[in-house]
Amino acid sequence: MNRARRLVAAASTGLIVLAATACGTTDTDTAEPEGTAGATPASQSCAEDTTTTSTGPVSFTDGVGRQVELDKPAQRIAVLEWQQVEDALTLCVTPIAVSDAEGYRTWVSAEELPAGVTDIGTREEPDLDTLYAAEPDLIVVEAFGADDETIARLESRGVPVMATRGANPADPIGNMREVFSMIGEATGRSERADQVLQEFDEHLATAKQQVIDADLPTKDFLFFDGWVQGGNLTVRPYGDGALFTEIGKELGMNPVWTDDINEAHGNGGVDPSYGLAQTDVEGLVAVGDANLFYANDEGVGGYVAALEENPLWATLPAVQEGRAHAFPARVWGAGGPRSCAQAIDAYVDVLDQK
């Protein structure tokens, strides 16, 4: 299971906080393939963009070690995962086809997906007929190895496939950057990619100084999300290897969901590939005085309401001292530079007020 599907693993119940519809079946859009989906800039940033687009042949090694050769940069890309959809839009390349467009528009706010993009169904089982009817010149997927069956299935119809790595717990931010740069290379938008990553680095450095300057009672922290299923609340702590945990660390904070705490208070569901664990509200007692940050479900799924109704929640030091904070809604936990910038702002906007 890839990274994004881990983040919406309970979607089939309709109760996951991050994406109640993200992995469900969606109606496909029958937009005609003629024309270029990216003809109109998808954002103000792209409308003002002055970077160049290369036009020569493209040759690079993708995220799983496969060699990708293109006669020219891809212009009509089909994208099967949300980070890569966001990345393409940040690069000012609007995909002609994506998986679960409705889910993307519901749960990702960093980049707006324009109308008219063909929806090819779920990320787990895209509608291949609809996909190829859109006439892509490159298909972007997420995988962990060159032998992934999805790659073989998509390659069988002769359209080039580029695989990006789903996650790298040893360097989540580095993997985010690598995926973004790879899409930039495939689409001839490397200059734009370099510019965006430089902006990200500068933003992170400025934010880190703000955290250093903040008078915090503690720099210990935990980010988590959760869901309700069968009336039971599950809390999912983000530990080492999770993207939002790594961002907090880069800002100078100390993650507290350790292996020892997980062994004592986790109740299964640990995924070291993504830095995700599972516990309950009682498990949050183990993080002591740590600052708490959590995903905002906007009332969908009800996990935040269930959390706040639990008597133990009110006893946590961070809650009692006003140091438990919901992120803004629709900050995608597996996104690209723009989603990560939103996460940086979500942390700093709270901490800088302390």
Protein backbone atom coordinates (compact mmCIF):
# COMPACT_ATOMS: atom_id res chain seq x y z
CA MET A 1 0.00 0.00 0.00
CA ASN A 2 1.44 3.37 -0.97
CA ARG A 3 1.89 6.41 1.22
CA ALA A 4 -1.28 8.25 0.33
CA ARG A 5 -3.39 5.15 0.83
CA ARG A 6 -1.78 4.66 4.26
CA LEU A 7 -2.96 8.14 5.13
CA VAL A 8 -6.50 7.21 4.13
CA ALA A 9 -6.39 3.58 5.18
CA ALA A 10 -9.82 3.66 6.79
CA ALA A 11 -11.47 5.41 3.89
CA SER A 12 -13.55 2.38 2.99
CA THR A 13 -15.50 2.93 6.22
CA GLY A 14 -16.17 6.57 5.33
CA LEU A 15 -14.79 7.61 8.71
CA ILE A 16 -11.14 8.45 8.25
CA VAL A 17 -10.22 11.99 9.24
CA LEU A 18 -7.96 12.84 6.37
CA ALA A 19 -10.02 11.66 3.46
CA ALA A 20 -13.42 10.15 3.85
CA THR A 21 -13.69 9.78 0.10
CA ALA A 22 -10.07 9.65 -0.94
CA CYS A 23 -9.95 5.98 -1.83
CA GLY A 24 -13.58 5.54 -2.78
CA THR A 25 -14.84 5.08 -6.30
CA THR A 26 -15.56 8.34 -8.07
CA ASP A 27 -17.46 9.03 -11.26
CA THR A 28 -15.15 9.55 -14.18
CA ASP A 29 -15.12 12.81 -16.06
CA THR A 30 -15.62 12.40 -19.78
CA ALA A 31 -13.63 15.50 -20.74
CA GLU A 32 -12.31 15.24 -24.27
CA PRO A 33 -8.55 14.69 -24.64
CA GLU A 34 -8.12 17.35 -27.34
CA GLY A 35 -6.10 20.37 -26.31
CA THR A 36 -3.70 20.88 -23.46
CA ALA A 37 -5.13 20.81 -19.94
CA GLY A 38 -2.49 23.21 -18.70
CA ALA A 39 -3.18 26.00 -21.21
CA THR A 40 -4.63 28.27 -18.50
CA PRO A 41 -2.43 28.90 -15.42
CA ALA A 42 -3.79 27.03 -12.42
CA SER A 43 -2.63 29.63 -9.88
CA GLN A 44 -1.56 33.23 -9.54
CA SER A 45 1.98 32.02 -8.98
CA CYS A 46 1.92 30.27 -12.34
CA ALA A 47 0.34 33.28 -14.01
CA GLU A 48 3.33 35.29 -12.84
CA ASP A 49 5.91 32.59 -13.58
CA THR A 50 8.85 33.60 -15.77
CA THR A 51 10.90 30.39 -15.64
CA THR A 52 11.67 28.56 -18.85
CA THR A 53 10.49 25.17 -20.09
CA SER A 54 13.09 22.98 -21.76
CA THR A 55 12.25 21.32 -25.08
CA GLY A 56 14.97 18.75 -25.68
CA PRO A 57 14.98 14.97 -25.10
CA VAL A 58 14.61 13.81 -21.50
CA SER A 59 16.52 10.94 -19.90
CA PHE A 60 16.58 10.19 -16.19
CA THR A 61 16.38 7.42 -13.60
CA ASP A 62 13.06 7.34 -11.78
CA GLY A 63 12.41 6.69 -8.10
CA VAL A 64 12.65 2.91 -8.38
CA GLY A 65 15.74 2.80 -10.58
CA ARG A 66 14.08 2.55 -13.99
CA GLN A 67 15.45 4.52 -16.91
CA VAL A 68 12.87 6.86 -18.45
CA GLU A 69 13.47 8.17 -21.97
CA LEU A 70 11.28 10.81 -23.61
CA ASP A 71 11.77 12.42 -27.01
CA LYS A 72 10.68 15.70 -25.45
CA PRO A 73 9.37 16.86 -22.07
CA ALA A 74 5.95 15.46 -21.21
CA GLN A 75 3.05 17.86 -21.67
CA ARG A 76 0.02 15.60 -21.23
CA ILE A 77 0.69 13.82 -17.98
CA ALA A 78 -1.69 11.50 -16.15
CA VAL A 79 -1.07 11.31 -12.40
CA LEU A 80 -2.24 8.60 -10.02
CA GLU A 81 -1.30 10.10 -6.62
CA TRP A 82 -2.13 13.37 -4.94
CA GLN A 83 1.36 14.62 -4.04
CA GLN A 84 2.35 14.30 -7.67
CA VAL A 85 -0.85 16.06 -8.77
CA GLU A 86 -0.01 18.91 -6.42
CA ASP A 87 3.60 18.92 -7.63
CA ALA A 88 2.61 19.14 -11.28
CA LEU A 89 0.31 22.07 -10.54
CA THR A 90 3.06 23.83 -8.60
CA LEU A 91 5.25 23.37 -11.68
CA CYS A 92 2.49 25.03 -13.74
CA VAL A 93 1.68 21.79 -15.56
CA THR A 94 -1.98 20.84 -15.26
CA PRO A 95 -2.42 17.07 -15.59
CA ILE A 96 -4.88 15.93 -18.23
CA ALA A 97 -6.03 13.04 -16.01
CA VAL A 98 -5.82 12.25 -12.29
CA SER A 99 -7.07 9.65 -9.86
CA ASP A 100 -9.91 10.69 -7.56
CA ALA A 101 -10.17 14.33 -8.55
CA GLU A 102 -13.05 14.86 -6.14
CA GLY A 103 -10.99 13.55 -3.24
CA TYR A 104 -8.07 15.77 -4.17
CA ARG A 105 -10.29 18.84 -4.25
CA THR A 106 -11.77 17.86 -0.88
CA TRP A 107 -8.56 17.22 1.04
CA VAL A 108 -5.74 19.14 -0.65
CA SER A 109 -5.70 22.93 -0.63
CA ALA A 110 -2.09 23.77 -1.52
CA GLU A 111 -2.82 23.79 -5.26
CA GLU A 112 -6.24 24.00 -6.88
CA LEU A 113 -7.09 21.36 -9.48
CA PRO A 114 -8.84 23.14 -12.37
CA ALA A 115 -12.11 21.96 -13.84
CA GLY A 116 -11.95 19.84 -16.95
CA VAL A 117 -9.29 17.40 -15.79
CA THR A 118 -10.32 13.82 -16.55
CA ASP A 119 -11.03 11.74 -13.44
CA ILE A 120 -9.78 8.18 -13.92
CA GLY A 121 -11.37 6.71 -10.82
CA THR A 122 -9.68 5.43 -7.69
CA ARG A 123 -5.96 5.44 -7.08
CA GLU A 124 -6.00 1.75 -6.24
CA GLU A 125 -7.84 0.70 -9.39
CA PRO A 126 -7.83 3.45 -12.03
CA ASP A 127 -10.09 3.06 -15.04
CA LEU A 128 -7.48 2.24 -17.67
CA ASP A 129 -9.80 2.80 -20.62
CA THR A 130 -10.56 6.32 -19.40
CA LEU A 131 -6.89 6.88 -18.63
CA TYR A 132 -5.67 6.00 -22.11
CA ALA A 133 -8.58 7.77 -23.80
CA ALA A 134 -7.13 10.98 -22.36
CA GLU A 135 -4.04 10.34 -24.51
CA PRO A 136 -1.29 10.98 -21.95
CA ASP A 137 2.34 11.17 -23.03
CA LEU A 138 3.53 10.17 -19.53
CA ILE A 139 1.90 8.36 -16.61
CA VAL A 140 3.16 9.20 -13.12
CA VAL A 141 2.69 6.55 -10.44
CA GLU A 142 3.95 5.83 -6.94
CA ALA A 143 5.81 2.60 -6.18
CA PHE A 144 8.49 1.07 -3.97
CA GLY A 145 10.14 -1.17 -6.54
CA ALA A 146 10.59 -1.61 -10.27
CA ASP A 147 8.70 -4.90 -10.07
CA ASP A 148 5.49 -3.22 -8.88
CA GLU A 149 2.61 -4.80 -10.81
CA THR A 150 1.03 -1.39 -11.41
CA ILE A 151 4.02 -0.33 -13.50
CA ALA A 152 3.86 -3.46 -15.64
CA ARG A 153 0.12 -3.10 -16.15
CA LEU A 154 0.42 0.52 -17.24
CA GLU A 155 3.44 -0.04 -19.48
CA SER A 156 1.62 -2.73 -21.43
CA ARG A 157 -0.11 -0.12 -23.62
CA GLY A 158 3.06 1.61 -24.71
CA VAL A 159 2.80 4.91 -22.81
CA PRO A 160 5.93 5.84 -20.79
CA VAL A 161 5.57 5.37 -17.04
CA MET A 162 7.52 7.25 -14.39
CA ALA A 163 7.51 5.82 -10.86
CA THR A 164 8.19 7.97 -7.83
CA ARG A 165 9.05 6.54 -4.44
CA GLY A 166 6.15 6.47 -2.04
CA ALA A 167 8.12 7.41 1.06
CA ASN A 168 11.57 7.35 2.59
CA PRO A 169 11.41 7.30 6.39
CA ALA A 170 15.14 8.02 6.59
CA ASP A 171 14.62 11.36 4.82
CA PRO A 172 10.95 12.31 4.30
CA ILE A 173 11.69 15.89 3.27
CA GLY A 174 14.45 14.75 0.94
CA ASN A 175 12.08 12.30 -0.72
CA MET A 176 9.47 15.04 -1.12
CA ARG A 177 12.07 17.20 -2.83
CA GLU A 178 13.29 14.36 -5.04
CA VAL A 179 9.78 13.54 -6.27
CA PHE A 180 9.14 17.20 -7.04
CA SER A 181 12.40 17.62 -8.93
CA MET A 182 11.81 14.43 -10.89
CA ILE A 183 8.44 15.64 -12.13
CA GLY A 184 10.09 18.93 -13.02
CA GLU A 185 12.69 17.09 -15.07
CA ALA A 186 10.11 14.95 -16.86
CA THR A 187 8.05 17.99 -17.85
CA GLY A 188 10.92 20.31 -18.73
CA ARG A 189 10.19 22.43 -15.68
CA SER A 190 13.45 21.99 -13.75
CA GLU A 191 14.06 25.72 -13.55
CA ARG A 192 10.67 26.22 -11.92
CA ALA A 193 11.33 23.25 -9.60
CA ASP A 194 14.64 24.72 -8.45
CA GLN A 195 12.98 28.07 -7.81
CA VAL A 196 10.16 26.56 -5.74
CA LEU A 197 12.56 24.45 -3.66
CA GLN A 198 14.71 27.50 -2.99
CA GLU A 199 11.61 29.34 -1.80
CA PHE A 200 10.78 26.36 0.43
CA ASP A 201 14.27 26.33 1.95
CA GLU A 202 14.14 30.06 2.64
CA HIS A 203 10.67 29.75 4.16
CA LEU A 204 11.82 26.90 6.40
CA ALA A 205 14.89 28.83 7.56
CA THR A 206 12.82 31.89 8.44
CA ALA A 207 10.27 29.78 10.28
CA LYS A 208 12.98 27.95 12.21
CA GLN A 209 14.32 31.25 13.51
CA GLN A 210 10.81 32.20 14.61
CA VAL A 211 10.58 29.00 16.65
CA ILE A 212 14.04 29.61 18.12
CA ASP A 213 12.94 33.09 19.17
CA ALA A 214 9.62 31.92 20.62
CA ASP A 215 9.41 31.60 24.39
CA LEU A 216 8.03 28.08 24.58
CA PRO A 217 7.45 26.12 27.80
CA THR A 218 8.63 23.06 25.88
CA LYS A 219 9.70 22.20 22.36
CA ASP A 220 8.50 18.63 22.69
CA PHE A 221 5.69 17.94 20.24
CA LEU A 222 3.43 15.35 18.68
CA PHE A 223 1.37 15.54 15.51
CA PHE A 224 -1.47 13.06 15.12
CA ASP A 225 -4.68 12.37 13.27
CA GLY A 226 -7.36 9.78 13.85
CA TRP A 227 -10.68 8.26 12.96
CA VAL A 228 -13.80 6.72 14.45
CA GLN A 229 -14.89 3.24 13.42
CA GLY A 230 -17.61 1.21 15.04
CA GLY A 231 -17.90 3.86 17.74
CA ASN A 232 -14.23 3.48 18.68
CA LEU A 233 -11.75 6.35 18.44
CA THR A 234 -8.30 5.56 17.07
CA VAL A 235 -5.49 8.09 17.42
CA ARG A 236 -2.63 7.86 14.95
CA PRO A 237 0.61 9.44 16.20
CA TYR A 238 3.18 10.54 13.64
CA GLY A 239 6.62 9.35 14.72
CA ASP A 240 10.07 9.43 13.19
CA GLY A 241 9.86 8.94 9.44
CA ALA A 242 6.61 10.88 9.04
CA LEU A 243 6.78 14.01 6.89
CA PHE A 244 5.05 16.34 9.36
CA THR A 245 7.24 15.03 12.18
CA GLU A 246 10.35 15.77 10.15
CA ILE A 247 9.11 19.30 9.44
CA GLY A 248 8.63 19.86 13.17
CA LYS A 249 12.15 18.60 13.81
CA GLU A 250 13.55 20.93 11.15
CA LEU A 251 11.83 23.79 12.97
CA GLY A 252 13.74 22.87 16.11
CA MET A 253 11.13 20.86 17.99
CA ASN A 254 11.57 17.44 19.58
CA PRO A 255 9.25 14.58 18.57
CA VAL A 256 8.09 12.55 21.54
CA TRP A 257 6.42 9.46 20.07
CA THR A 258 9.41 7.17 20.56
CA ASP A 259 9.80 3.44 20.10
CA ASP A 260 9.62 2.97 23.87
CA ILE A 261 6.35 4.91 24.12
CA ASN A 262 4.97 3.03 21.15
CA GLU A 263 5.88 -0.31 22.68
CA ALA A 264 4.12 0.63 25.90
CA HIS A 265 1.12 2.49 24.51
CA GLY A 266 0.75 1.62 20.84
CA ASN A 267 -1.98 -0.83 19.91
CA GLY A 268 -0.89 -1.99 16.48
CA GLY A 269 -0.90 -0.49 13.04
CA VAL A 270 2.71 0.64 13.23
CA ASP A 271 4.13 1.30 9.79
CA PRO A 272 7.85 2.15 9.88
CA SER A 273 7.79 2.97 6.18
CA TYR A 274 5.67 6.02 6.93
CA GLY A 275 6.37 6.73 10.59
CA LEU A 276 2.75 6.08 11.57
CA ALA A 277 1.50 4.35 14.73
CA GLN A 278 -1.84 3.72 16.43
CA THR A 279 -3.02 4.30 19.97
CA ASP A 280 -6.02 5.70 21.85
CA VAL A 281 -6.62 8.84 23.90
CA GLU A 282 -5.08 7.17 26.94
CA GLY A 283 -1.90 6.70 24.93
CA LEU A 284 -1.57 10.47 24.60
CA VAL A 285 -1.00 10.66 28.36
CA ALA A 286 2.42 9.13 27.70
CA VAL A 287 3.71 12.19 25.84
CA GLY A 288 3.55 14.28 29.01
CA ASP A 289 3.83 18.02 28.59
CA ALA A 290 4.42 17.92 24.82
CA ASN A 291 2.71 20.41 22.52
CA LEU A 292 -0.04 18.67 20.57
CA PHE A 293 -0.89 19.31 16.93
CA TYR A 294 -3.55 17.38 15.07
CA ALA A 295 -5.30 17.16 11.72
CA ASN A 296 -8.52 19.11 11.32
CA ASP A 297 -11.33 16.90 10.03
CA GLU A 298 -13.83 19.76 9.56
CA GLY A 299 -16.38 17.53 11.24
CA VAL A 300 -16.04 14.78 8.63
CA GLY A 301 -15.69 11.43 10.37
CA GLY A 302 -16.06 12.98 13.81
CA TYR A 303 -12.71 12.06 15.29
CA VAL A 304 -12.02 15.57 16.63
CA ALA A 305 -15.45 15.71 18.26
CA ALA A 306 -14.90 12.27 19.78
CA LEU A 307 -11.49 13.38 21.00
CA GLU A 308 -12.85 16.49 22.68
CA GLU A 309 -15.68 14.54 24.29
CA ASN A 310 -13.29 12.06 25.91
CA PRO A 311 -12.71 12.97 29.60
CA LEU A 312 -9.01 12.11 29.34
CA TRP A 313 -8.47 14.73 26.64
CA ALA A 314 -9.25 17.55 29.06
CA THR A 315 -6.65 16.25 31.53
CA LEU A 316 -3.69 16.46 29.12
CA PRO A 317 -1.26 19.27 30.04
CA ALA A 318 -1.23 20.67 26.50
CA VAL A 319 -5.02 20.88 26.48
CA GLN A 320 -5.21 22.48 29.91
CA GLU A 321 -2.55 25.05 29.00
CA GLY A 322 -3.89 25.92 25.55
CA ARG A 323 -1.09 24.12 23.70
CA ALA A 324 -3.23 21.64 21.75
CA HIS A 325 -3.91 22.95 18.27
CA ALA A 326 -5.73 21.71 15.19
CA PHE A 327 -4.01 22.41 11.89
CA PRO A 328 -6.01 24.37 9.34
CA ALA A 329 -8.30 22.15 7.31
CA ARG A 330 -7.09 20.50 4.09
CA VAL A 331 -3.37 20.54 4.84
CA TRP A 332 -2.37 17.31 3.11
CA GLY A 333 0.03 15.20 5.16
CA ALA A 334 1.69 13.59 2.15
CA GLY A 335 2.09 16.57 -0.13
CA GLY A 336 4.79 18.46 -1.96
CA PRO A 337 6.59 21.75 -1.25
CA ARG A 338 3.39 23.81 -1.11
CA SER A 339 1.62 21.47 1.35
CA CYS A 340 4.80 21.33 3.44
CA ALA A 341 4.90 25.13 3.47
CA GLN A 342 1.33 25.08 4.79
CA ALA A 343 2.44 22.71 7.57
CA ILE A 344 5.35 25.01 8.44
CA ASP A 345 2.93 27.93 8.71
CA ALA A 346 0.51 25.87 10.79
CA TYR A 347 3.23 25.09 13.34
CA VAL A 348 4.74 28.57 13.43
CA ASP A 349 1.49 30.54 13.49
CA VAL A 350 0.73 28.87 16.81
CA LEU A 351 4.21 28.72 18.33
CA ASP A 352 5.12 32.29 17.44
CA GLN A 353 2.23 33.53 19.57
CA LYS A 354 3.50 31.84 22.70
